[in-house]
Amino acid sequence: MKTIGNLQALRGIAAALVVVHHLRDILAQSWPAVKDVQLGAAGVDIFFVLSGVVIALSEARREPDLRGFAVRRIVRVVPNYWAILAVIGLMLLAGLSPVGIQATDGTFENLTKSAAFIPFERAHGAIMPLLGVGWTLNYEMFFYLVFAALIWLPAGMRTVVLLAVMLALVTLGRVIQPEGVLARFYTNPILLEFAAGVMLATWWMYHRKTRLDRWMGIGLCVVGCIGLLLAARPEGFEQLMPERALIFGIPAVLIVAGTMLAESGGARLTGRFWALMGAASYAVYLSHTLVLQIVEKVANALGLLSGSTVVVLAVAVAGFVASHVIGYMFYAKFEEPVKQFLSRRFVPTRRTTRSPNQPDLQK
């Protein structure tokens, strides 16, 4: 049973992009203009499209099982997230200010809402949990909820209905322009990126390999990357700006589709390095802001960020490497053992209905 290796590698690349995005504070010490470059933020959009692909392909090969789906998603997402939130809670109790949390943010209510995937507005105006990057998990859990409600439908019909639901929510948001936090959050056009991923998965299930797949795939990736570069400095960028689904979402779809076609044509990112990058991507994604904060504080204490351009760049590289090393350790020593333990205890035995020729995609 074949894994789509390119998508596994792409997960690692997407996580690395987000790490680079959060390195801007360090790099801006020597290159102030870097603060306006939002290219790394597109890693999130790639993640959302990938999530749609992975979930749709995985469930298309299983008999409908609401409990099994819910348990698999919880085991995959929750332990890592709660572990990092617990660290943040302990830091707050110790009087520290992790990842820029202001005094009015660090409450037990906000910690509880964060753990329960309930969006709320922080003191600086952004809708995000105490672990800032966790805002994406609120969308992930919402996508899982919608998908779970449609799990009994045949794959093709499920794709159509899910797309209709996401379009209806986005349209409602554009028409009503709601003011409430939940209504604004769950009617944002970024929801369409999940639907686009599900549509890609449906296309993939019926795709037949051709001799042009390799070059078409590489071409789509190139066009997608050019699109991201052109959108790298959007005017007035905000985390949930409505235009995000266009300027980052469309290139993300092209890149994901391109990696799938490239693999079909034999152009694969294989090897232990790419496999580990993909496997540890979630751990890197969740832990890297804390790691970068520590690196920045140490560098400031040593006066390194007021040094030469070369020194600042070296600090940034050290932060990038440290984020991945710590992320891999988090994956190897916590995520994987906990996932294996919980899976043995709670995840139902897999019942597959897929054909032998359908590729196996893990998440």
Protein backbone atom coordinates (compact mmCIF):
# COMPACT_ATOMS: atom_id res chain seq x y z
CA MET A 1 0.00 0.00 0.00
CA LYS A 2 1.65 3.14 -1.26
CA THR A 3 2.05 6.40 0.66
CA ILE A 4 1.92 9.63 -1.33
CA GLY A 5 5.41 10.61 -0.29
CA ASN A 6 5.37 14.04 -1.92
CA LEU A 7 2.51 15.16 0.31
CA GLN A 8 4.36 13.90 3.37
CA ALA A 9 7.36 15.96 2.30
CA LEU A 10 5.14 18.95 1.56
CA ARG A 11 3.89 18.88 5.15
CA GLY A 12 7.47 19.30 6.33
CA ILE A 13 8.04 22.14 3.86
CA ALA A 14 4.84 23.88 4.99
CA ALA A 15 5.92 23.68 8.64
CA ALA A 16 9.35 25.08 7.71
CA LEU A 17 7.65 28.00 5.93
CA VAL A 18 5.72 28.85 9.08
CA VAL A 19 8.92 28.72 11.14
CA VAL A 20 10.55 31.14 8.69
CA HIS A 21 7.49 33.40 8.98
CA HIS A 22 7.98 33.66 12.73
CA LEU A 23 11.71 34.29 12.32
CA ARG A 24 10.93 37.71 10.85
CA ASP A 25 11.23 39.40 14.26
CA ILE A 26 14.84 38.27 14.47
CA LEU A 27 15.70 38.97 10.83
CA ALA A 28 14.08 42.42 11.02
CA GLN A 29 16.92 43.50 13.32
CA SER A 30 19.08 43.76 10.20
CA TRP A 31 16.44 43.79 7.45
CA PRO A 32 13.39 45.80 8.65
CA ALA A 33 11.58 45.24 5.34
CA VAL A 34 11.35 41.52 6.14
CA LYS A 35 8.46 42.29 8.53
CA ASP A 36 6.25 43.03 5.52
CA VAL A 37 7.01 39.72 3.78
CA GLN A 38 4.22 37.24 4.47
CA LEU A 39 5.40 34.36 2.28
CA GLY A 40 5.90 31.99 5.19
CA ALA A 41 2.30 32.45 6.32
CA ALA A 42 1.26 30.51 3.21
CA GLY A 43 2.47 27.35 4.94
CA VAL A 44 -0.83 27.39 6.84
CA ASP A 45 -2.83 27.53 3.61
CA ILE A 46 -0.87 24.59 2.24
CA PHE A 47 -1.64 22.72 5.47
CA PHE A 48 -5.38 23.38 5.08
CA VAL A 49 -5.46 22.10 1.51
CA LEU A 50 -3.39 19.08 2.52
CA SER A 51 -5.78 18.37 5.36
CA GLY A 52 -8.72 18.25 2.97
CA VAL A 53 -6.83 15.87 0.68
CA VAL A 54 -5.62 13.57 3.44
CA ILE A 55 -8.90 13.27 5.32
CA ALA A 56 -10.96 12.72 2.17
CA LEU A 57 -8.61 10.07 0.78
CA SER A 58 -8.26 8.26 4.09
CA GLU A 59 -11.99 8.08 4.75
CA ALA A 60 -12.82 7.14 1.17
CA ARG A 61 -10.97 3.88 1.85
CA ARG A 62 -12.81 3.11 5.07
CA GLU A 63 -16.30 1.98 5.88
CA PRO A 64 -18.27 4.88 7.43
CA ASP A 65 -17.51 4.92 11.15
CA LEU A 66 -18.27 8.13 13.02
CA ARG A 67 -16.71 6.99 16.30
CA GLY A 68 -13.58 5.72 14.61
CA PHE A 69 -13.16 8.95 12.66
CA ALA A 70 -13.62 11.10 15.78
CA VAL A 71 -11.19 9.05 17.86
CA ARG A 72 -8.53 9.03 15.14
CA ARG A 73 -8.72 12.82 14.80
CA ILE A 74 -8.62 13.40 18.56
CA VAL A 75 -5.65 11.06 19.01
CA ARG A 76 -3.84 12.81 16.16
CA VAL A 77 -4.48 16.43 17.16
CA VAL A 78 -5.25 16.82 20.86
CA PRO A 79 -2.34 15.34 22.92
CA ASN A 80 0.36 17.52 21.32
CA TYR A 81 -1.74 20.64 21.56
CA TRP A 82 -2.73 20.10 25.16
CA ALA A 83 0.88 19.35 26.10
CA ILE A 84 2.05 22.71 24.72
CA LEU A 85 -0.91 24.49 26.33
CA ALA A 86 0.06 22.90 29.66
CA VAL A 87 3.56 24.33 29.28
CA ILE A 88 2.06 27.76 28.56
CA GLY A 89 -0.21 27.46 31.60
CA LEU A 90 2.76 26.62 33.84
CA MET A 91 4.72 29.55 32.43
CA LEU A 92 1.82 31.89 33.19
CA LEU A 93 1.62 30.55 36.75
CA ALA A 94 5.32 31.27 37.11
CA GLY A 95 4.73 34.87 36.08
CA LEU A 96 6.31 34.54 32.64
CA SER A 97 4.88 35.89 29.39
CA PRO A 98 5.11 33.13 26.79
CA VAL A 99 4.76 33.98 23.08
CA GLY A 100 3.64 37.54 23.72
CA ILE A 101 0.63 36.75 25.90
CA GLN A 102 -0.54 39.95 27.57
CA ALA A 103 -1.70 40.10 31.19
CA THR A 104 -5.37 40.31 30.23
CA ASP A 105 -5.02 37.20 28.03
CA GLY A 106 -3.52 34.88 30.61
CA THR A 107 -6.71 33.76 32.34
CA PHE A 108 -8.02 30.32 33.22
CA GLU A 109 -11.07 31.00 31.03
CA ASN A 110 -8.89 31.67 28.00
CA LEU A 111 -6.77 28.62 28.72
CA THR A 112 -9.95 26.52 28.91
CA LYS A 113 -11.30 27.98 25.67
CA SER A 114 -7.97 27.31 24.01
CA ALA A 115 -8.01 23.66 25.09
CA ALA A 116 -11.64 23.29 23.95
CA PHE A 117 -10.93 24.77 20.49
CA ILE A 118 -13.29 27.69 21.10
CA PRO A 119 -12.16 30.84 19.25
CA PHE A 120 -11.84 34.06 21.23
CA GLU A 121 -10.33 37.48 20.67
CA ARG A 122 -7.00 38.27 22.30
CA ALA A 123 -6.06 41.67 23.72
CA HIS A 124 -4.24 42.60 20.51
CA GLY A 125 -7.41 42.02 18.48
CA ALA A 126 -6.52 38.74 16.75
CA ILE A 127 -8.78 35.70 17.10
CA MET A 128 -6.40 33.05 18.41
CA PRO A 129 -5.88 30.80 21.45
CA LEU A 130 -3.08 31.27 23.98
CA LEU A 131 -0.85 29.21 21.70
CA GLY A 132 -1.09 31.56 18.76
CA VAL A 133 -0.64 29.00 15.99
CA GLY A 134 -3.56 27.06 17.50
CA TRP A 135 -6.03 29.23 15.58
CA THR A 136 -5.47 26.86 12.68
CA LEU A 137 -6.49 23.90 14.86
CA ASN A 138 -9.81 25.61 15.56
CA TYR A 139 -10.41 25.50 11.81
CA GLU A 140 -9.15 21.93 11.58
CA MET A 141 -11.58 20.78 14.26
CA PHE A 142 -14.44 22.60 12.56
CA PHE A 143 -13.57 20.92 9.27
CA TYR A 144 -13.52 17.54 11.03
CA LEU A 145 -16.94 18.30 12.51
CA VAL A 146 -18.45 19.12 9.12
CA PHE A 147 -16.78 16.10 7.52
CA ALA A 148 -18.01 13.82 10.32
CA ALA A 149 -21.59 15.02 9.77
CA LEU A 150 -21.29 13.91 6.13
CA ILE A 151 -19.33 10.71 6.68
CA TRP A 152 -22.22 8.43 5.74
CA LEU A 153 -22.46 9.92 2.25
CA PRO A 154 -20.66 8.35 -0.73
CA ALA A 155 -17.32 10.07 -1.37
CA GLY A 156 -18.46 11.97 -4.47
CA MET A 157 -21.65 13.25 -2.90
CA ARG A 158 -19.80 14.09 0.31
CA THR A 159 -17.45 16.31 -1.67
CA VAL A 160 -20.33 18.19 -3.29
CA VAL A 161 -22.22 18.68 -0.03
CA LEU A 162 -19.12 19.74 1.90
CA LEU A 163 -18.28 22.29 -0.79
CA ALA A 164 -21.87 23.57 -0.66
CA VAL A 165 -21.73 23.92 3.13
CA MET A 166 -18.44 25.83 3.06
CA LEU A 167 -19.66 28.08 0.22
CA ALA A 168 -22.89 28.77 2.12
CA LEU A 169 -21.00 29.75 5.27
CA VAL A 170 -18.62 32.04 3.37
CA THR A 171 -21.47 33.63 1.40
CA LEU A 172 -23.44 34.18 4.60
CA GLY A 173 -20.45 35.89 6.13
CA ARG A 174 -19.95 38.18 3.13
CA VAL A 175 -23.65 39.13 3.06
CA ILE A 176 -24.32 39.57 6.78
CA GLN A 177 -20.86 40.84 7.82
CA PRO A 178 -21.29 39.47 11.37
CA GLU A 179 -19.60 41.12 14.35
CA GLY A 180 -19.47 38.17 16.75
CA VAL A 181 -16.18 36.31 17.11
CA LEU A 182 -17.53 32.84 16.28
CA ALA A 183 -19.61 34.08 13.34
CA ARG A 184 -16.67 35.99 11.86
CA PHE A 185 -14.29 33.11 12.40
CA TYR A 186 -16.46 30.37 10.90
CA THR A 187 -17.60 32.31 7.85
CA ASN A 188 -14.11 33.29 6.70
CA PRO A 189 -13.25 32.35 3.08
CA ILE A 190 -10.26 30.35 4.36
CA LEU A 191 -12.75 27.50 4.89
CA LEU A 192 -12.76 27.00 1.13
CA GLU A 193 -9.17 25.75 1.28
CA PHE A 194 -10.36 22.59 3.07
CA ALA A 195 -13.08 22.13 0.47
CA ALA A 196 -10.51 22.56 -2.30
CA GLY A 197 -8.42 19.80 -0.72
CA VAL A 198 -11.42 17.46 -0.61
CA MET A 199 -12.08 18.22 -4.27
CA LEU A 200 -8.45 17.41 -5.11
CA ALA A 201 -8.80 14.09 -3.30
CA THR A 202 -11.92 13.23 -5.30
CA TRP A 203 -10.10 14.06 -8.53
CA TRP A 204 -7.14 11.95 -7.45
CA MET A 205 -9.29 8.88 -6.83
CA TYR A 206 -10.30 8.90 -10.49
CA HIS A 207 -6.98 10.05 -11.92
CA ARG A 208 -5.19 7.77 -14.36
CA LYS A 209 -1.44 8.13 -14.75
CA THR A 210 -0.17 9.65 -18.01
CA ARG A 211 3.27 10.39 -19.42
CA LEU A 212 2.66 14.10 -18.91
CA ASP A 213 2.00 13.86 -15.18
CA ARG A 214 5.58 14.62 -14.13
CA TRP A 215 5.87 17.81 -16.19
CA MET A 216 2.33 18.95 -15.52
CA GLY A 217 2.95 18.47 -11.81
CA ILE A 218 6.24 20.35 -11.84
CA GLY A 219 4.60 23.10 -13.90
CA LEU A 220 1.75 23.50 -11.42
CA CYS A 221 4.24 23.68 -8.53
CA VAL A 222 6.24 26.37 -10.34
CA VAL A 223 3.11 28.40 -11.11
CA GLY A 224 1.94 28.02 -7.50
CA CYS A 225 5.31 29.16 -6.13
CA ILE A 226 5.32 32.16 -8.47
CA GLY A 227 1.82 32.99 -7.23
CA LEU A 228 3.01 32.91 -3.63
CA LEU A 229 6.00 35.10 -4.45
CA LEU A 230 3.75 37.65 -6.16
CA ALA A 231 1.49 37.68 -3.09
CA ALA A 232 4.34 37.72 -0.59
CA ARG A 233 3.80 41.36 0.42
CA PRO A 234 0.03 41.87 0.48
CA GLU A 235 -1.14 45.32 1.47
CA GLY A 236 -2.56 45.47 5.00
CA PHE A 237 -2.04 41.76 5.66
CA GLU A 238 -4.03 40.32 8.52
CA GLN A 239 -4.27 36.73 9.68
CA LEU A 240 -7.89 36.31 8.55
CA MET A 241 -8.17 38.87 5.77
CA PRO A 242 -10.85 37.74 3.27
CA GLU A 243 -8.41 37.93 0.36
CA ARG A 244 -6.17 35.30 1.91
CA ALA A 245 -8.10 32.42 0.35
CA LEU A 246 -7.34 33.92 -3.06
CA ILE A 247 -3.79 35.18 -2.79
CA PHE A 248 -2.45 32.24 -0.77
CA GLY A 249 -5.18 29.64 -1.16
CA ILE A 250 -5.12 29.32 -4.96
CA PRO A 251 -1.32 28.93 -5.15
CA ALA A 252 -1.53 26.42 -2.30
CA VAL A 253 -4.04 24.34 -4.28
CA LEU A 254 -1.78 24.44 -7.34
CA ILE A 255 1.24 23.34 -5.30
CA VAL A 256 -0.61 20.46 -3.64
CA ALA A 257 -2.09 19.30 -6.95
CA GLY A 258 1.32 19.65 -8.58
CA THR A 259 3.07 17.50 -5.98
CA MET A 260 0.45 14.81 -6.44
CA LEU A 261 0.80 14.82 -10.24
CA ALA A 262 4.58 14.92 -10.03
CA GLU A 263 4.57 11.80 -7.89
CA SER A 264 2.22 10.10 -10.31
CA GLY A 265 4.81 10.87 -13.00
CA GLY A 266 7.69 9.49 -10.96
CA ALA A 267 9.10 12.74 -9.53
CA ARG A 268 9.18 11.92 -5.82
CA LEU A 269 10.77 13.48 -2.75
CA THR A 270 11.83 10.28 -1.03
CA GLY A 271 14.30 9.31 1.64
CA ARG A 272 14.52 9.37 5.40
CA PHE A 273 15.02 13.14 5.57
CA TRP A 274 11.73 13.99 3.84
CA ALA A 275 9.87 11.28 5.73
CA LEU A 276 11.06 12.68 9.06
CA MET A 277 10.28 16.25 7.98
CA GLY A 278 6.71 15.26 7.26
CA ALA A 279 6.29 13.05 10.31
CA ALA A 280 7.55 15.72 12.72
CA SER A 281 5.81 18.63 10.99
CA TYR A 282 2.94 18.86 13.48
CA ALA A 283 5.28 18.81 16.47
CA VAL A 284 7.49 21.46 14.85
CA TYR A 285 4.49 23.58 14.02
CA LEU A 286 3.13 23.56 17.57
CA SER A 287 6.40 24.00 19.47
CA HIS A 288 8.41 26.37 17.31
CA THR A 289 7.09 29.70 18.64
CA LEU A 290 8.18 28.80 22.16
CA VAL A 291 11.57 27.68 20.87
CA LEU A 292 12.04 30.88 18.86
CA GLN A 293 11.06 32.99 21.85
CA ILE A 294 13.78 31.34 23.93
CA VAL A 295 16.35 31.77 21.14
CA GLU A 296 15.44 35.45 20.76
CA LYS A 297 15.63 36.10 24.52
CA VAL A 298 19.03 34.41 24.78
CA ALA A 299 20.33 36.31 21.75
CA ASN A 300 19.11 39.60 23.21
CA ALA A 301 20.70 38.84 26.57
CA LEU A 302 24.02 38.20 24.80
CA GLY A 303 23.66 41.32 22.66
CA LEU A 304 23.76 39.31 19.46
CA LEU A 305 20.76 40.97 17.79
CA SER A 306 22.48 44.34 17.94
CA GLY A 307 25.50 42.88 16.19
CA SER A 308 26.41 42.57 12.53
CA THR A 309 24.14 41.28 9.80
CA VAL A 310 26.07 38.01 9.74
CA VAL A 311 25.48 37.49 13.48
CA VAL A 312 21.75 38.22 13.16
CA LEU A 313 21.51 35.78 10.26
CA ALA A 314 23.37 33.18 12.33
CA VAL A 315 20.86 33.63 15.17
CA ALA A 316 17.99 33.15 12.71
CA VAL A 317 19.56 29.98 11.32
CA ALA A 318 20.12 28.72 14.86
CA GLY A 319 16.45 29.39 15.62
CA PHE A 320 15.35 27.52 12.51
CA VAL A 321 17.54 24.52 13.31
CA ALA A 322 16.59 24.52 17.00
CA SER A 323 12.88 24.61 16.10
CA HIS A 324 13.26 21.50 13.99
CA VAL A 325 15.51 19.65 16.43
CA ILE A 326 13.21 20.31 19.38
CA GLY A 327 10.19 19.57 17.20
CA TYR A 328 11.64 16.22 16.18
CA MET A 329 12.43 15.36 19.80
CA PHE A 330 8.87 16.31 20.74
CA TYR A 331 7.60 14.05 17.96
CA ALA A 332 9.87 11.10 18.81
CA LYS A 333 9.63 11.23 22.60
CA PHE A 334 6.04 12.38 23.09
CA GLU A 335 3.82 12.49 20.01
CA GLU A 336 4.58 9.09 18.53
CA PRO A 337 4.60 7.08 21.81
CA VAL A 338 1.38 8.75 23.00
CA LYS A 339 -0.28 8.25 19.62
CA GLN A 340 0.68 4.59 19.55
CA PHE A 341 -0.55 4.06 23.12
CA LEU A 342 -3.90 5.79 22.56
CA SER A 343 -4.38 4.13 19.18
CA ARG A 344 -3.96 0.67 20.68
CA ARG A 345 -6.47 1.45 23.41
CA PHE A 346 -9.11 3.50 21.65
CA VAL A 347 -8.87 3.45 17.85
CA PRO A 348 -11.17 0.82 16.31
CA THR A 349 -9.71 -1.81 14.01
CA ARG A 350 -9.48 -0.39 10.54
CA ARG A 351 -12.09 -1.66 8.13
CA THR A 352 -11.11 -0.77 4.59
CA THR A 353 -13.22 -0.68 1.46
CA ARG A 354 -10.60 0.73 -0.90
CA SER A 355 -9.38 -0.95 -4.05
CA PRO A 356 -5.83 -2.33 -4.10
CA ASN A 357 -4.70 0.37 -6.56
CA GLN A 358 -5.67 3.31 -4.37
CA PRO A 359 -2.67 4.90 -2.63
CA ASP A 360 -2.44 4.90 1.11
CA LEU A 361 -1.97 8.33 2.66
CA GLN A 362 -1.12 8.70 6.30
CA LYS A 363 -1.61 11.71 8.55
